[in-house]
Amino acid sequence: MNPESETLPPADAASNSSKLYQIIYTSTARRELAAEELLSLLRGSRIRNAVAGITGLLLYHDGRLMQILEGTEKNVRKLFEKIEGDQRHRGLFIVWEGAISTRQFTDHSMALHDPTELESHYPGLSHHLLEKCEHGRQNLSTPADHFIRVFRIVAGIDHVRRS
């Protein structure tokens, strides 16, 4: 599939009539995932999640996975049940779940600490979340903002500032 030609249904297609829900979780891969495995995971999840009206973010670093899923509560819970049964990871832990007023993600993206092996032009692959920035993410207003900030600290991108 040519990544530039990928077209997905709008994120709100499956959620116009229902309230939005979000689950944030962490897990550990049973083994390190190769670059091509990560791209395959991103390709498949973007297509399936778009059809179900699911958006979010998957972060991967040194075998650790952190994910944010958002959509209708029914669809998010159904996808999470499937994820719980996935044998590629273990130690699933829900960090936060609950109703949200608006989506924080327009599509389903993946960010990696060292994504140099992957096709940087592939839709949904984000390098920006993990690049060092001078200002940092100071306005942490949502659980997802906090989640991304913690991942950046764990990955060694940001450092905790002590007063």
C-alpha atoms as a PDB file:
ATOM      1  CA  MET A   1       0.000   0.000   0.000  1.00  0.00           C
ATOM      2  CA  ASN A   2       1.294   3.438  -0.875  1.00  0.00           C
ATOM      3  CA  PRO A   3       1.174   5.475   2.365  1.00  0.00           C
ATOM      4  CA  GLU A   4       0.538   8.739   0.530  1.00  0.00           C
ATOM      5  CA  SER A   5      -2.628   7.321  -1.034  1.00  0.00           C
ATOM      6  CA  GLU A   6      -4.106   6.088   2.240  1.00  0.00           C
ATOM      7  CA  THR A   7      -7.560   7.532   2.893  1.00  0.00           C
ATOM      8  CA  LEU A   8      -9.410   6.908   6.111  1.00  0.00           C
ATOM      9  CA  PRO A   9     -12.975   7.749   7.096  1.00  0.00           C
ATOM     10  CA  PRO A  10     -13.378  10.835   9.302  1.00  0.00           C
ATOM     11  CA  ALA A  11     -12.719  10.184  12.999  1.00  0.00           C
ATOM     12  CA  ASP A  12     -16.209  11.299  13.986  1.00  0.00           C
ATOM     13  CA  ALA A  13     -17.957   8.974  11.510  1.00  0.00           C
ATOM     14  CA  ALA A  14     -18.769   6.358  14.149  1.00  0.00           C
ATOM     15  CA  SER A  15     -19.259   8.671  17.116  1.00  0.00           C
ATOM     16  CA  ASN A  16     -21.656  11.454  16.150  1.00  0.00           C
ATOM     17  CA  SER A  17     -24.490  10.178  18.333  1.00  0.00           C
ATOM     18  CA  SER A  18     -22.551   9.031  21.410  1.00  0.00           C
ATOM     19  CA  LYS A  19     -20.432  10.614  24.114  1.00  0.00           C
ATOM     20  CA  LEU A  20     -16.682  10.263  23.837  1.00  0.00           C
ATOM     21  CA  TYR A  21     -14.661   7.991  26.086  1.00  0.00           C
ATOM     22  CA  GLN A  22     -10.932   7.564  26.615  1.00  0.00           C
ATOM     23  CA  ILE A  23      -8.707   4.797  28.009  1.00  0.00           C
ATOM     24  CA  ILE A  24      -5.015   5.328  28.691  1.00  0.00           C
ATOM     25  CA  TYR A  25      -2.940   2.229  29.432  1.00  0.00           C
ATOM     26  CA  THR A  26       0.610   0.908  29.562  1.00  0.00           C
ATOM     27  CA  SER A  27       2.047  -2.536  28.877  1.00  0.00           C
ATOM     28  CA  THR A  28       5.334  -4.273  28.098  1.00  0.00           C
ATOM     29  CA  ALA A  29       6.096  -6.041  24.832  1.00  0.00           C
ATOM     30  CA  ARG A  30       7.020  -9.700  25.312  1.00  0.00           C
ATOM     31  CA  ARG A  31       9.990  -8.995  23.034  1.00  0.00           C
ATOM     32  CA  GLU A  32      11.445  -5.972  21.236  1.00  0.00           C
ATOM     33  CA  LEU A  33       9.418  -5.124  18.154  1.00  0.00           C
ATOM     34  CA  ALA A  34      11.299  -4.652  14.895  1.00  0.00           C
ATOM     35  CA  ALA A  35      10.729  -1.525  12.815  1.00  0.00           C
ATOM     36  CA  GLU A  36       8.684  -3.387  10.187  1.00  0.00           C
ATOM     37  CA  GLU A  37       6.476  -4.950  12.900  1.00  0.00           C
ATOM     38  CA  LEU A  38       5.759  -1.494  14.304  1.00  0.00           C
ATOM     39  CA  LEU A  39       4.854  -0.143  10.863  1.00  0.00           C
ATOM     40  CA  SER A  40       2.592  -3.130  10.245  1.00  0.00           C
ATOM     41  CA  LEU A  41       0.900  -2.528  13.606  1.00  0.00           C
ATOM     42  CA  LEU A  42       0.379   1.141  12.726  1.00  0.00           C
ATOM     43  CA  ARG A  43      -0.992   0.369   9.242  1.00  0.00           C
ATOM     44  CA  GLY A  44      -3.506  -2.178  10.493  1.00  0.00           C
ATOM     45  CA  SER A  45      -4.648  -0.224  13.521  1.00  0.00           C
ATOM     46  CA  ARG A  46      -5.175   3.018  11.563  1.00  0.00           C
ATOM     47  CA  ILE A  47      -7.520   1.290   9.135  1.00  0.00           C
ATOM     48  CA  ARG A  48      -9.458  -0.768  11.715  1.00  0.00           C
ATOM     49  CA  ASN A  49      -9.684   2.100  14.195  1.00  0.00           C
ATOM     50  CA  ALA A  50     -10.867   4.583  11.571  1.00  0.00           C
ATOM     51  CA  VAL A  51     -13.753   2.286  10.655  1.00  0.00           C
ATOM     52  CA  ALA A  52     -14.689   2.027  14.367  1.00  0.00           C
ATOM     53  CA  GLY A  53     -14.310   5.782  14.951  1.00  0.00           C
ATOM     54  CA  ILE A  54     -11.341   5.237  17.286  1.00  0.00           C
ATOM     55  CA  THR A  55      -8.540   7.781  17.462  1.00  0.00           C
ATOM     56  CA  GLY A  56      -5.565   8.018  19.767  1.00  0.00           C
ATOM     57  CA  LEU A  57      -1.858   7.625  20.139  1.00  0.00           C
ATOM     58  CA  LEU A  58       0.515   4.686  20.581  1.00  0.00           C
ATOM     59  CA  LEU A  59       3.924   5.398  22.111  1.00  0.00           C
ATOM     60  CA  TYR A  60       6.719   2.822  21.972  1.00  0.00           C
ATOM     61  CA  HIS A  61      10.160   2.924  23.621  1.00  0.00           C
ATOM     62  CA  ASP A  62      12.490   0.094  24.685  1.00  0.00           C
ATOM     63  CA  GLY A  63       9.730  -2.509  24.711  1.00  0.00           C
ATOM     64  CA  ARG A  64       7.290  -0.335  26.640  1.00  0.00           C
ATOM     65  CA  LEU A  65       3.947   0.548  25.134  1.00  0.00           C
ATOM     66  CA  MET A  66       1.710   3.388  26.216  1.00  0.00           C
ATOM     67  CA  GLN A  67      -1.543   4.007  24.425  1.00  0.00           C
ATOM     68  CA  ILE A  68      -4.432   6.462  24.414  1.00  0.00           C
ATOM     69  CA  LEU A  69      -7.694   5.284  22.829  1.00  0.00           C
ATOM     70  CA  GLU A  70     -10.698   7.557  22.291  1.00  0.00           C
ATOM     71  CA  GLY A  71     -14.100   7.127  20.679  1.00  0.00           C
ATOM     72  CA  THR A  72     -17.516   5.960  21.823  1.00  0.00           C
ATOM     73  CA  GLU A  73     -17.381   4.081  25.114  1.00  0.00           C
ATOM     74  CA  LYS A  74     -18.741   0.927  23.459  1.00  0.00           C
ATOM     75  CA  ASN A  75     -16.098   0.956  20.700  1.00  0.00           C
ATOM     76  CA  VAL A  76     -13.210   1.880  22.998  1.00  0.00           C
ATOM     77  CA  ARG A  77     -14.083  -0.876  25.479  1.00  0.00           C
ATOM     78  CA  LYS A  78     -14.513  -3.415  22.657  1.00  0.00           C
ATOM     79  CA  LEU A  79     -11.075  -2.541  21.255  1.00  0.00           C
ATOM     80  CA  PHE A  80      -9.500  -2.609  24.724  1.00  0.00           C
ATOM     81  CA  GLU A  81     -10.892  -6.124  25.322  1.00  0.00           C
ATOM     82  CA  LYS A  82      -9.206  -7.218  22.096  1.00  0.00           C
ATOM     83  CA  ILE A  83      -5.946  -5.542  23.159  1.00  0.00           C
ATOM     84  CA  GLU A  84      -6.100  -7.334  26.533  1.00  0.00           C
ATOM     85  CA  GLY A  85      -6.062 -10.662  24.698  1.00  0.00           C
ATOM     86  CA  ASP A  86      -3.117  -9.753  22.447  1.00  0.00           C
ATOM     87  CA  GLN A  87      -0.205 -12.056  23.313  1.00  0.00           C
ATOM     88  CA  ARG A  88       2.435  -9.628  21.986  1.00  0.00           C
ATOM     89  CA  HIS A  89       2.425  -7.792  25.314  1.00  0.00           C
ATOM     90  CA  ARG A  90       1.906  -8.360  29.029  1.00  0.00           C
ATOM     91  CA  GLY A  91       1.332  -6.395  32.208  1.00  0.00           C
ATOM     92  CA  LEU A  92      -1.520  -4.244  30.943  1.00  0.00           C
ATOM     93  CA  PHE A  93      -2.276  -1.434  33.385  1.00  0.00           C
ATOM     94  CA  ILE A  94      -5.036   1.158  32.933  1.00  0.00           C
ATOM     95  CA  VAL A  95      -3.627   4.544  33.888  1.00  0.00           C
ATOM     96  CA  TRP A  96      -6.875   6.462  33.347  1.00  0.00           C
ATOM     97  CA  GLU A  97     -10.310   5.981  31.810  1.00  0.00           C
ATOM     98  CA  GLY A  98     -13.381   8.134  31.593  1.00  0.00           C
ATOM     99  CA  ALA A  99     -15.610  10.420  29.565  1.00  0.00           C
ATOM    100  CA  ILE A 100     -14.022  13.240  27.568  1.00  0.00           C
ATOM    101  CA  SER A 101     -15.700  16.266  25.997  1.00  0.00           C
ATOM    102  CA  THR A 102     -13.626  16.427  22.802  1.00  0.00           C
ATOM    103  CA  ARG A 103     -11.125  14.321  20.913  1.00  0.00           C
ATOM    104  CA  GLN A 104      -7.488  15.156  21.471  1.00  0.00           C
ATOM    105  CA  PHE A 105      -6.282  13.271  18.402  1.00  0.00           C
ATOM    106  CA  THR A 106      -7.498  13.610  14.832  1.00  0.00           C
ATOM    107  CA  ASP A 107      -6.309  10.155  13.836  1.00  0.00           C
ATOM    108  CA  HIS A 108      -4.434   7.186  15.213  1.00  0.00           C
ATOM    109  CA  SER A 109      -0.731   7.932  15.476  1.00  0.00           C
ATOM    110  CA  MET A 110       2.386   6.185  16.699  1.00  0.00           C
ATOM    111  CA  ALA A 111       5.444   7.862  18.182  1.00  0.00           C
ATOM    112  CA  LEU A 112       8.782   6.188  18.766  1.00  0.00           C
ATOM    113  CA  HIS A 113      11.816   7.294  20.736  1.00  0.00           C
ATOM    114  CA  ASP A 114      14.180   6.371  17.885  1.00  0.00           C
ATOM    115  CA  PRO A 115      12.071   6.082  14.726  1.00  0.00           C
ATOM    116  CA  THR A 116      15.012   6.390  12.299  1.00  0.00           C
ATOM    117  CA  GLU A 117      14.499   2.862  10.930  1.00  0.00           C
ATOM    118  CA  LEU A 118      10.919   3.559   9.917  1.00  0.00           C
ATOM    119  CA  GLU A 119       9.514   5.322   6.885  1.00  0.00           C
ATOM    120  CA  SER A 120       9.257   8.860   8.230  1.00  0.00           C
ATOM    121  CA  HIS A 121       6.664   9.806   5.591  1.00  0.00           C
ATOM    122  CA  TYR A 122       4.163   7.142   6.608  1.00  0.00           C
ATOM    123  CA  PRO A 123       0.799   8.684   7.667  1.00  0.00           C
ATOM    124  CA  GLY A 124       0.245   8.373  11.383  1.00  0.00           C
ATOM    125  CA  LEU A 125       3.916   8.084  12.312  1.00  0.00           C
ATOM    126  CA  SER A 126       4.788  11.006  14.567  1.00  0.00           C
ATOM    127  CA  HIS A 127       8.280  12.158  15.436  1.00  0.00           C
ATOM    128  CA  HIS A 128       7.208  15.534  16.816  1.00  0.00           C
ATOM    129  CA  LEU A 129       5.879  14.266  20.144  1.00  0.00           C
ATOM    130  CA  LEU A 130       9.277  12.871  20.994  1.00  0.00           C
ATOM    131  CA  GLU A 131      11.548  15.668  19.800  1.00  0.00           C
ATOM    132  CA  LYS A 132      13.216  17.803  22.443  1.00  0.00           C
ATOM    133  CA  CYS A 133      11.610  21.201  22.721  1.00  0.00           C
ATOM    134  CA  GLU A 134      12.780  24.193  24.702  1.00  0.00           C
ATOM    135  CA  HIS A 135       9.398  25.108  26.122  1.00  0.00           C
ATOM    136  CA  GLY A 136       8.291  21.552  26.996  1.00  0.00           C
ATOM    137  CA  ARG A 137       4.646  20.720  27.649  1.00  0.00           C
ATOM    138  CA  GLN A 138       3.913  23.073  30.517  1.00  0.00           C
ATOM    139  CA  ASN A 139       0.127  23.305  30.106  1.00  0.00           C
ATOM    140  CA  LEU A 140      -0.910  19.837  31.241  1.00  0.00           C
ATOM    141  CA  SER A 141      -4.680  20.137  31.263  1.00  0.00           C
ATOM    142  CA  THR A 142      -5.849  16.619  30.365  1.00  0.00           C
ATOM    143  CA  PRO A 143      -4.946  13.063  31.366  1.00  0.00           C
ATOM    144  CA  ALA A 144      -3.542  12.553  27.845  1.00  0.00           C
ATOM    145  CA  ASP A 145      -1.234  15.582  28.276  1.00  0.00           C
ATOM    146  CA  HIS A 146       0.082  14.131  31.538  1.00  0.00           C
ATOM    147  CA  PHE A 147       0.459  10.713  29.915  1.00  0.00           C
ATOM    148  CA  ILE A 148       2.577  12.081  27.060  1.00  0.00           C
ATOM    149  CA  ARG A 149       4.693  14.104  29.519  1.00  0.00           C
ATOM    150  CA  VAL A 150       5.426  10.996  31.632  1.00  0.00           C
ATOM    151  CA  PHE A 151       6.376   9.039  28.523  1.00  0.00           C
ATOM    152  CA  ARG A 152       8.800  11.815  27.488  1.00  0.00           C
ATOM    153  CA  ILE A 153      10.432  11.647  30.948  1.00  0.00           C
ATOM    154  CA  VAL A 154      10.640   7.827  30.929  1.00  0.00           C
ATOM    155  CA  ALA A 155      12.168   7.922  27.419  1.00  0.00           C
ATOM    156  CA  GLY A 156      14.805  10.397  28.622  1.00  0.00           C
ATOM    157  CA  ILE A 157      13.635  13.179  26.312  1.00  0.00           C
ATOM    158  CA  ASP A 158      12.597  15.566  29.079  1.00  0.00           C
ATOM    159  CA  HIS A 159      13.982  15.828  32.572  1.00  0.00           C
ATOM    160  CA  VAL A 160      12.049  16.510  35.736  1.00  0.00           C
ATOM    161  CA  ARG A 161      12.672  20.038  36.897  1.00  0.00           C
ATOM    162  CA  ARG A 162      12.998  20.433  40.643  1.00  0.00           C
ATOM    163  CA  SER A 163      12.350  23.749  42.339  1.00  0.00           C
END
